[in-house]
Each structure stands twice: as C-alpha cells, then as structure tokens.
Amino acid sequence: MKHEKKYILIADDEREIREVLTLLLAGEGYEVISVENGVAAAEAACAEIDLYILDVNMPGQNGFVTGADIRRRFETPIIFLTAYSAESDKVMGFAAGADDYIVKPFSNVELLMRVKAILRRGKASVPDTESRSSAGRLVLGDLILDKNSQSVSKDGQSIALTYTEYKILELLLSNRKRIFSLDQIYESIWNDNAVGDSAIMVHVKNLRKKLGDNSRDPKYIKTAWGRGYYVD
C-alpha cells in the first residue's frame, strides 16, 4: 500500500541549501531524504519517492545527467535548482525530464507553491471509467483525461505523463479549437514570464510521442504554424 506521507529527495552539494530545504519541507509535513551529489541521488531513487529536487551544478554527476537517469526508470516529478536562467539551460532541464525549473536564489514561498502544485497531481493512475463523472473527464476520440484522478488513458490503457505534460494536455483539451501560443502555454503552466519557445516545444514533442501522435499529421495536438498548438 502506498505510503500516506509524501517523500521528497533533495540532492545538492551545498550543505546549507540541503539544511534549509530539509527544514522547510519537513515543516510542511513531508518526509525528506537529503544527499550531497547526483550519484547518491540516482542510487537512492525508488518507487516510494514522490518528488526529486536536484541541483544542476553538482560535481561528478550533474543534475541533468542524474535527472535523465531517474526519468528512464521512474515517472516521478523532478524539479531542478540552478543559478542559470538562460533559455538554453531550461531547455536542457526539460529535455532531461524536468517538471519544473527554479532559479537560485528563490523564495521559500515560491518553492513551496511549486512543490505543492506538482504533488497535488501525484503519480499517474489508471482512471476508473465506470465510476468517474463525465463532468470530470475530457474526451478526444480514444483519449481520455480524467481530472478527478489526474490521469490520462488511450484505448483504456493508462499513459504515464509528467506533471508538465499533463498540464499542457489539460489546457488544450479544456479549450478545444483555441490556439495557444508557446508563450501562453508557458505562462499558464508556470505562472511566470516565458523564456522562449524551445522549452514548450520539447514538452509537446515528448507528449506527442507518448500519445503515439504523428507530428507531421497529428491526430491529437495540432500545430497552427507560426501561432501555436491546439486540439480540435
């Protein structure tokens, strides 16, 4: 049976940051596992972890490599911490499987808000289509997004999405035929100013792959060239 408390693993080579984050998150009722490098984080990764917070600039094995390693094994949400805010750095983070990207220095309130937003979704589960209300479901052909369980299925088969992929799909399905620019998608999900279009393009590419969508002739997420993405 899945544990009731949420487990968060922190990896940062700066002891002070580990201590601050541990106190902050433990004070909110989370169980915190703290390690000082990427190798230790990858070794500690397991199905019981609900969220990973990884520093990018760690010696030996950086956060991007660690995140990609964890993402190959688990769909658990990942937040990257970094001092770099350039678009190229964020694209690398999202390509490595990040669900969010927080730039140092950050406020404790902001970090907690993002942690709680991601953990509210939790891990993907198979929706019970027999008992769920249709009011909580968004249907597109054989694709079903269940807002109640915050899960996605296709032909009755569960599709494991990251938090960000789920939010993009939910946004588009909730606003059928409306074209969202890349900036609008970014700002809607992260409540932050867009840093360029590459990050969203990476997420849409990954989302299409998981949905089995052909980017040249998409069935689900369509491209309005020069304008953005939409669903019919």
C-alpha atoms as a PDB file:
ATOM      1  CA  MET A   1       0.000   0.000   0.000  1.00  0.00           C
ATOM      2  CA  LYS A   2       1.301   3.430  -0.941  1.00  0.00           C
ATOM      3  CA  HIS A   3       2.531   5.493   1.991  1.00  0.00           C
ATOM      4  CA  GLU A   4       0.356   8.423   3.076  1.00  0.00           C
ATOM      5  CA  LYS A   5       3.220  10.854   3.637  1.00  0.00           C
ATOM      6  CA  LYS A   6       4.966  12.356   0.641  1.00  0.00           C
ATOM      7  CA  TYR A   7       8.666  11.586   0.270  1.00  0.00           C
ATOM      8  CA  ILE A   8      10.952  14.193  -1.287  1.00  0.00           C
ATOM      9  CA  LEU A   9      14.579  13.544  -2.201  1.00  0.00           C
ATOM     10  CA  ILE A  10      16.919  16.552  -2.256  1.00  0.00           C
ATOM     11  CA  ALA A  11      20.321  16.449  -3.948  1.00  0.00           C
ATOM     12  CA  ASP A  12      22.611  19.470  -3.575  1.00  0.00           C
ATOM     13  CA  ASP A  13      26.333  19.692  -2.898  1.00  0.00           C
ATOM     14  CA  GLU A  14      25.820  22.785  -0.700  1.00  0.00           C
ATOM     15  CA  ARG A  15      25.135  21.686   2.874  1.00  0.00           C
ATOM     16  CA  GLU A  16      23.424  24.954   3.777  1.00  0.00           C
ATOM     17  CA  ILE A  17      20.874  24.585   0.994  1.00  0.00           C
ATOM     18  CA  ARG A  18      20.187  20.971   1.937  1.00  0.00           C
ATOM     19  CA  GLU A  19      19.588  22.000   5.540  1.00  0.00           C
ATOM     20  CA  VAL A  20      17.301  24.907   4.623  1.00  0.00           C
ATOM     21  CA  LEU A  21      15.241  22.804   2.216  1.00  0.00           C
ATOM     22  CA  THR A  22      15.007  19.952   4.704  1.00  0.00           C
ATOM     23  CA  LEU A  23      13.722  22.241   7.451  1.00  0.00           C
ATOM     24  CA  LEU A  24      11.322  23.991   5.072  1.00  0.00           C
ATOM     25  CA  LEU A  25       9.815  20.817   3.613  1.00  0.00           C
ATOM     26  CA  ALA A  26       9.777  18.843   6.871  1.00  0.00           C
ATOM     27  CA  GLY A  27       7.906  21.758   8.433  1.00  0.00           C
ATOM     28  CA  GLU A  28       5.184  21.199   5.827  1.00  0.00           C
ATOM     29  CA  GLY A  29       4.885  17.540   6.788  1.00  0.00           C
ATOM     30  CA  TYR A  30       6.993  15.973   4.050  1.00  0.00           C
ATOM     31  CA  GLU A  31       9.479  13.177   4.659  1.00  0.00           C
ATOM     32  CA  VAL A  32      12.822  14.418   3.335  1.00  0.00           C
ATOM     33  CA  ILE A  33      15.789  12.389   2.113  1.00  0.00           C
ATOM     34  CA  SER A  34      18.905  14.520   1.656  1.00  0.00           C
ATOM     35  CA  VAL A  35      22.013  13.569  -0.355  1.00  0.00           C
ATOM     36  CA  GLU A  36      25.014  15.606  -1.464  1.00  0.00           C
ATOM     37  CA  ASN A  37      25.579  14.522  -5.064  1.00  0.00           C
ATOM     38  CA  GLY A  38      23.948  13.133  -8.190  1.00  0.00           C
ATOM     39  CA  VAL A  39      25.359   9.630  -7.871  1.00  0.00           C
ATOM     40  CA  ALA A  40      23.847   9.254  -4.400  1.00  0.00           C
ATOM     41  CA  ALA A  41      20.517  10.594  -5.680  1.00  0.00           C
ATOM     42  CA  ALA A  42      20.435   8.084  -8.535  1.00  0.00           C
ATOM     43  CA  GLU A  43      21.276   5.259  -6.128  1.00  0.00           C
ATOM     44  CA  ALA A  44      18.572   6.337  -3.668  1.00  0.00           C
ATOM     45  CA  ALA A  45      15.913   6.684  -6.381  1.00  0.00           C
ATOM     46  CA  CYS A  46      12.993   4.306  -5.881  1.00  0.00           C
ATOM     47  CA  ALA A  47       9.270   3.978  -6.448  1.00  0.00           C
ATOM     48  CA  GLU A  48       8.497   5.358  -2.985  1.00  0.00           C
ATOM     49  CA  ILE A  49       9.888   8.823  -3.785  1.00  0.00           C
ATOM     50  CA  ASP A  50       7.150  11.323  -4.715  1.00  0.00           C
ATOM     51  CA  LEU A  51       9.372  14.204  -5.855  1.00  0.00           C
ATOM     52  CA  TYR A  52      13.038  14.855  -6.635  1.00  0.00           C
ATOM     53  CA  ILE A  53      14.643  18.279  -6.159  1.00  0.00           C
ATOM     54  CA  LEU A  54      18.012  18.225  -7.913  1.00  0.00           C
ATOM     55  CA  ASP A  55      20.678  20.891  -8.055  1.00  0.00           C
ATOM     56  CA  VAL A  56      22.051  21.206 -11.573  1.00  0.00           C
ATOM     57  CA  ASN A  57      25.636  22.231 -10.848  1.00  0.00           C
ATOM     58  CA  MET A  58      26.861  19.291  -8.757  1.00  0.00           C
ATOM     59  CA  PRO A  59      30.400  17.897  -9.113  1.00  0.00           C
ATOM     60  CA  GLY A  60      30.922  14.468 -10.605  1.00  0.00           C
ATOM     61  CA  GLN A  61      27.445  13.822 -11.983  1.00  0.00           C
ATOM     62  CA  ASN A  62      25.402  16.952 -12.592  1.00  0.00           C
ATOM     63  CA  GLY A  63      21.677  17.302 -12.059  1.00  0.00           C
ATOM     64  CA  PHE A  64      20.750  16.932 -15.728  1.00  0.00           C
ATOM     65  CA  VAL A  65      22.508  13.561 -16.010  1.00  0.00           C
ATOM     66  CA  THR A  66      21.016  12.449 -12.697  1.00  0.00           C
ATOM     67  CA  GLY A  67      17.527  13.571 -13.720  1.00  0.00           C
ATOM     68  CA  ALA A  68      17.743  11.761 -17.058  1.00  0.00           C
ATOM     69  CA  ASP A  69      18.877   8.604 -15.242  1.00  0.00           C
ATOM     70  CA  ILE A  70      15.949   8.805 -12.817  1.00  0.00           C
ATOM     71  CA  ARG A  71      13.474   9.623 -15.605  1.00  0.00           C
ATOM     72  CA  ARG A  72      14.452   6.475 -17.513  1.00  0.00           C
ATOM     73  CA  ARG A  73      13.316   4.416 -14.524  1.00  0.00           C
ATOM     74  CA  PHE A  74      10.508   6.444 -12.951  1.00  0.00           C
ATOM     75  CA  GLU A  75       7.828   8.972 -13.958  1.00  0.00           C
ATOM     76  CA  THR A  76       8.212  10.725 -10.593  1.00  0.00           C
ATOM     77  CA  PRO A  77       8.227  14.556 -10.841  1.00  0.00           C
ATOM     78  CA  ILE A  78      11.601  16.318 -10.905  1.00  0.00           C
ATOM     79  CA  ILE A  79      12.400  19.936 -10.024  1.00  0.00           C
ATOM     80  CA  PHE A  80      15.800  21.332 -10.984  1.00  0.00           C
ATOM     81  CA  LEU A  81      17.512  24.041  -8.933  1.00  0.00           C
ATOM     82  CA  THR A  82      20.085  26.156 -10.715  1.00  0.00           C
ATOM     83  CA  ALA A  83      21.805  29.517 -10.788  1.00  0.00           C
ATOM     84  CA  TYR A  84      21.436  29.630 -14.576  1.00  0.00           C
ATOM     85  CA  SER A  85      18.312  31.188 -16.073  1.00  0.00           C
ATOM     86  CA  ALA A  86      19.121  31.191 -19.804  1.00  0.00           C
ATOM     87  CA  GLU A  87      16.610  29.584 -22.176  1.00  0.00           C
ATOM     88  CA  SER A  88      19.173  27.000 -23.300  1.00  0.00           C
ATOM     89  CA  ASP A  89      19.667  25.841 -19.700  1.00  0.00           C
ATOM     90  CA  LYS A  90      15.931  25.457 -19.162  1.00  0.00           C
ATOM     91  CA  VAL A  91      15.564  23.535 -22.417  1.00  0.00           C
ATOM     92  CA  MET A  92      18.290  21.142 -21.277  1.00  0.00           C
ATOM     93  CA  GLY A  93      16.495  20.677 -17.984  1.00  0.00           C
ATOM     94  CA  PHE A  94      13.128  19.972 -19.558  1.00  0.00           C
ATOM     95  CA  ALA A  95      14.717  17.650 -22.113  1.00  0.00           C
ATOM     96  CA  ALA A  96      16.243  15.720 -19.190  1.00  0.00           C
ATOM     97  CA  GLY A  97      12.752  15.170 -17.804  1.00  0.00           C
ATOM     98  CA  ALA A  98      12.156  18.159 -15.535  1.00  0.00           C
ATOM     99  CA  ASP A  99       8.657  19.091 -14.433  1.00  0.00           C
ATOM    100  CA  ASP A 100       9.790  22.460 -13.126  1.00  0.00           C
ATOM    101  CA  TYR A 101      12.904  24.596 -13.060  1.00  0.00           C
ATOM    102  CA  ILE A 102      13.622  27.020 -10.220  1.00  0.00           C
ATOM    103  CA  VAL A 103      16.369  29.610 -10.438  1.00  0.00           C
ATOM    104  CA  LYS A 104      18.512  30.457  -7.405  1.00  0.00           C
ATOM    105  CA  PRO A 105      18.105  32.488  -5.321  1.00  0.00           C
ATOM    106  CA  PHE A 106      14.458  31.578  -4.829  1.00  0.00           C
ATOM    107  CA  SER A 107      11.911  32.452  -2.167  1.00  0.00           C
ATOM    108  CA  ASN A 108      10.751  29.758   0.230  1.00  0.00           C
ATOM    109  CA  VAL A 109       7.136  30.613  -0.550  1.00  0.00           C
ATOM    110  CA  GLU A 110       7.683  30.176  -4.293  1.00  0.00           C
ATOM    111  CA  LEU A 111       9.398  26.818  -3.855  1.00  0.00           C
ATOM    112  CA  LEU A 112       6.647  25.508  -1.577  1.00  0.00           C
ATOM    113  CA  MET A 113       3.959  26.641  -4.002  1.00  0.00           C
ATOM    114  CA  ARG A 114       5.599  24.776  -6.852  1.00  0.00           C
ATOM    115  CA  VAL A 115       6.220  21.663  -4.774  1.00  0.00           C
ATOM    116  CA  LYS A 116       2.592  21.562  -3.650  1.00  0.00           C
ATOM    117  CA  ALA A 117       1.297  22.167  -7.181  1.00  0.00           C
ATOM    118  CA  ILE A 118       3.286  19.225  -8.523  1.00  0.00           C
ATOM    119  CA  LEU A 119       2.468  16.881  -5.649  1.00  0.00           C
ATOM    120  CA  ARG A 120      -1.253  17.632  -5.944  1.00  0.00           C
ATOM    121  CA  ARG A 121      -1.216  15.779  -9.187  1.00  0.00           C
ATOM    122  CA  GLY A 122       0.676  12.840  -7.735  1.00  0.00           C
ATOM    123  CA  LYS A 123       1.610   9.812  -9.750  1.00  0.00           C
ATOM    124  CA  ALA A 124      -0.408   8.717 -12.733  1.00  0.00           C
ATOM    125  CA  SER A 125      -3.056   6.120 -12.065  1.00  0.00           C
ATOM    126  CA  VAL A 126      -5.468   4.168 -14.197  1.00  0.00           C
ATOM    127  CA  PRO A 127      -8.800   6.013 -14.297  1.00  0.00           C
ATOM    128  CA  ASP A 128     -11.916   4.154 -13.233  1.00  0.00           C
ATOM    129  CA  THR A 129     -14.119   4.971 -16.220  1.00  0.00           C
ATOM    130  CA  GLU A 130     -17.062   3.154 -14.662  1.00  0.00           C
ATOM    131  CA  SER A 131     -17.367   5.381 -11.609  1.00  0.00           C
ATOM    132  CA  ARG A 132     -15.938   8.733 -12.677  1.00  0.00           C
ATOM    133  CA  SER A 133     -18.341  11.523 -13.504  1.00  0.00           C
ATOM    134  CA  SER A 134     -18.283  12.630 -17.145  1.00  0.00           C
ATOM    135  CA  ALA A 135     -18.066  16.198 -15.852  1.00  0.00           C
ATOM    136  CA  GLY A 136     -14.533  15.452 -14.718  1.00  0.00           C
ATOM    137  CA  ARG A 137     -13.429  13.869 -17.975  1.00  0.00           C
ATOM    138  CA  LEU A 138     -12.113  15.441 -21.156  1.00  0.00           C
ATOM    139  CA  VAL A 139     -12.530  13.137 -24.157  1.00  0.00           C
ATOM    140  CA  LEU A 140     -10.853  13.373 -27.549  1.00  0.00           C
ATOM    141  CA  GLY A 141     -11.615  10.277 -29.611  1.00  0.00           C
ATOM    142  CA  ASP A 142      -9.987   7.329 -27.836  1.00  0.00           C
ATOM    143  CA  LEU A 143      -8.107   9.679 -25.486  1.00  0.00           C
ATOM    144  CA  ILE A 144      -9.500  10.386 -22.005  1.00  0.00           C
ATOM    145  CA  LEU A 145      -8.125  12.859 -19.483  1.00  0.00           C
ATOM    146  CA  ASP A 146      -9.688  12.320 -16.050  1.00  0.00           C
ATOM    147  CA  LYS A 147      -9.442  15.428 -13.884  1.00  0.00           C
ATOM    148  CA  ASN A 148     -10.584  13.553 -10.798  1.00  0.00           C
ATOM    149  CA  SER A 149      -7.679  11.095 -10.829  1.00  0.00           C
ATOM    150  CA  GLN A 150      -5.492  13.469 -12.885  1.00  0.00           C
ATOM    151  CA  SER A 151      -4.664  10.669 -15.268  1.00  0.00           C
ATOM    152  CA  VAL A 152      -4.705  10.030 -18.996  1.00  0.00           C
ATOM    153  CA  SER A 153      -5.653   6.903 -20.910  1.00  0.00           C
ATOM    154  CA  LYS A 154      -5.841   5.882 -24.556  1.00  0.00           C
ATOM    155  CA  ASP A 155      -7.987   2.935 -25.634  1.00  0.00           C
ATOM    156  CA  GLY A 156      -8.328   2.096 -21.943  1.00  0.00           C
ATOM    157  CA  GLN A 157      -4.561   1.933 -21.416  1.00  0.00           C
ATOM    158  CA  SER A 158      -3.005   4.319 -18.893  1.00  0.00           C
ATOM    159  CA  ILE A 159      -0.390   6.747 -20.240  1.00  0.00           C
ATOM    160  CA  ALA A 160       2.232   7.938 -17.757  1.00  0.00           C
ATOM    161  CA  LEU A 161       2.794  11.679 -18.199  1.00  0.00           C
ATOM    162  CA  THR A 162       4.959  14.090 -16.297  1.00  0.00           C
ATOM    163  CA  TYR A 163       3.223  16.885 -14.398  1.00  0.00           C
ATOM    164  CA  THR A 164       4.035  19.406 -17.127  1.00  0.00           C
ATOM    165  CA  GLU A 165       2.901  17.150 -19.975  1.00  0.00           C
ATOM    166  CA  TYR A 166      -0.375  16.539 -18.160  1.00  0.00           C
ATOM    167  CA  LYS A 167      -0.943  20.284 -17.620  1.00  0.00           C
ATOM    168  CA  ILE A 168      -0.288  21.072 -21.290  1.00  0.00           C
ATOM    169  CA  LEU A 169      -2.743  18.415 -22.424  1.00  0.00           C
ATOM    170  CA  GLU A 170      -5.331  19.536 -19.869  1.00  0.00           C
ATOM    171  CA  LEU A 171      -5.011  23.152 -21.022  1.00  0.00           C
ATOM    172  CA  LEU A 172      -5.531  22.259 -24.676  1.00  0.00           C
ATOM    173  CA  LEU A 173      -8.374  19.798 -24.076  1.00  0.00           C
ATOM    174  CA  SER A 174     -10.161  22.276 -21.810  1.00  0.00           C
ATOM    175  CA  ASN A 175     -10.098  24.888 -24.573  1.00  0.00           C
ATOM    176  CA  ARG A 176     -10.924  22.994 -27.757  1.00  0.00           C
ATOM    177  CA  LYS A 177     -10.142  24.787 -31.014  1.00  0.00           C
ATOM    178  CA  ARG A 178      -8.395  27.645 -29.202  1.00  0.00           C
ATOM    179  CA  ILE A 179      -4.850  28.213 -30.399  1.00  0.00           C
ATOM    180  CA  PHE A 180      -2.350  28.766 -27.600  1.00  0.00           C
ATOM    181  CA  SER A 181       0.950  30.432 -28.402  1.00  0.00           C
ATOM    182  CA  LEU A 182       4.100  28.937 -26.896  1.00  0.00           C
ATOM    183  CA  ASP A 183       4.354  31.893 -24.516  1.00  0.00           C
ATOM    184  CA  GLN A 184       0.723  31.468 -23.413  1.00  0.00           C
ATOM    185  CA  ILE A 185       1.263  27.780 -22.641  1.00  0.00           C
ATOM    186  CA  TYR A 186       4.434  28.512 -20.673  1.00  0.00           C
ATOM    187  CA  GLU A 187       2.859  31.322 -18.656  1.00  0.00           C
ATOM    188  CA  SER A 188      -0.300  29.292 -17.971  1.00  0.00           C
ATOM    189  CA  ILE A 189       1.617  26.358 -16.504  1.00  0.00           C
ATOM    190  CA  TRP A 190       4.449  28.080 -14.650  1.00  0.00           C
ATOM    191  CA  ASN A 191       2.726  31.384 -13.850  1.00  0.00           C
ATOM    192  CA  ASP A 192       5.907  33.042 -14.997  1.00  0.00           C
ATOM    193  CA  ASN A 193       7.129  35.061 -17.952  1.00  0.00           C
ATOM    194  CA  ALA A 194       8.035  32.893 -20.913  1.00  0.00           C
ATOM    195  CA  VAL A 195      11.737  32.382 -21.584  1.00  0.00           C
ATOM    196  CA  GLY A 196      11.415  31.374 -25.235  1.00  0.00           C
ATOM    197  CA  ASP A 197       9.600  28.718 -27.219  1.00  0.00           C
ATOM    198  CA  SER A 198      12.087  25.858 -27.067  1.00  0.00           C
ATOM    199  CA  ALA A 199      11.025  24.547 -23.645  1.00  0.00           C
ATOM    200  CA  ILE A 200       7.388  24.124 -24.687  1.00  0.00           C
ATOM    201  CA  MET A 201       8.384  22.562 -28.000  1.00  0.00           C
ATOM    202  CA  VAL A 202      10.375  19.917 -26.108  1.00  0.00           C
ATOM    203  CA  HIS A 203       7.369  19.104 -23.924  1.00  0.00           C
ATOM    204  CA  VAL A 204       4.950  18.904 -26.864  1.00  0.00           C
ATOM    205  CA  LYS A 205       7.369  16.626 -28.720  1.00  0.00           C
ATOM    206  CA  ASN A 206       7.575  14.295 -25.700  1.00  0.00           C
ATOM    207  CA  LEU A 207       3.806  14.440 -25.193  1.00  0.00           C
ATOM    208  CA  ARG A 208       3.092  13.556 -28.805  1.00  0.00           C
ATOM    209  CA  LYS A 209       5.478  10.619 -28.595  1.00  0.00           C
ATOM    210  CA  LYS A 210       3.689   9.230 -25.534  1.00  0.00           C
ATOM    211  CA  LEU A 211       0.285   9.690 -27.188  1.00  0.00           C
ATOM    212  CA  GLY A 212       1.512   7.965 -30.342  1.00  0.00           C
ATOM    213  CA  ASP A 213       0.831  11.140 -32.307  1.00  0.00           C
ATOM    214  CA  ASN A 214       2.470  11.783 -35.678  1.00  0.00           C
ATOM    215  CA  SER A 215       3.931  15.304 -35.678  1.00  0.00           C
ATOM    216  CA  ARG A 216       3.539  15.545 -39.471  1.00  0.00           C
ATOM    217  CA  ASP A 217      -0.131  14.555 -39.383  1.00  0.00           C
ATOM    218  CA  PRO A 218      -1.175  14.810 -35.711  1.00  0.00           C
ATOM    219  CA  LYS A 219      -4.420  13.281 -34.507  1.00  0.00           C
ATOM    220  CA  TYR A 220      -4.467  14.963 -31.107  1.00  0.00           C
ATOM    221  CA  ILE A 221      -2.211  18.013 -30.706  1.00  0.00           C
ATOM    222  CA  LYS A 222      -2.234  20.072 -33.874  1.00  0.00           C
ATOM    223  CA  THR A 223       0.123  22.831 -34.931  1.00  0.00           C
ATOM    224  CA  ALA A 224      -1.030  26.207 -36.171  1.00  0.00           C
ATOM    225  CA  TRP A 225       2.175  27.203 -37.906  1.00  0.00           C
ATOM    226  CA  GLY A 226       3.607  30.420 -36.562  1.00  0.00           C
ATOM    227  CA  ARG A 227       0.840  30.660 -33.950  1.00  0.00           C
ATOM    228  CA  GLY A 228       0.970  27.727 -31.553  1.00  0.00           C
ATOM    229  CA  TYR A 229      -0.840  24.484 -30.679  1.00  0.00           C
ATOM    230  CA  TYR A 230      -4.476  23.402 -30.353  1.00  0.00           C
ATOM    231  CA  VAL A 231      -6.823  20.402 -30.387  1.00  0.00           C
ATOM    232  CA  ASP A 232      -9.972  20.122 -32.498  1.00  0.00           C
END
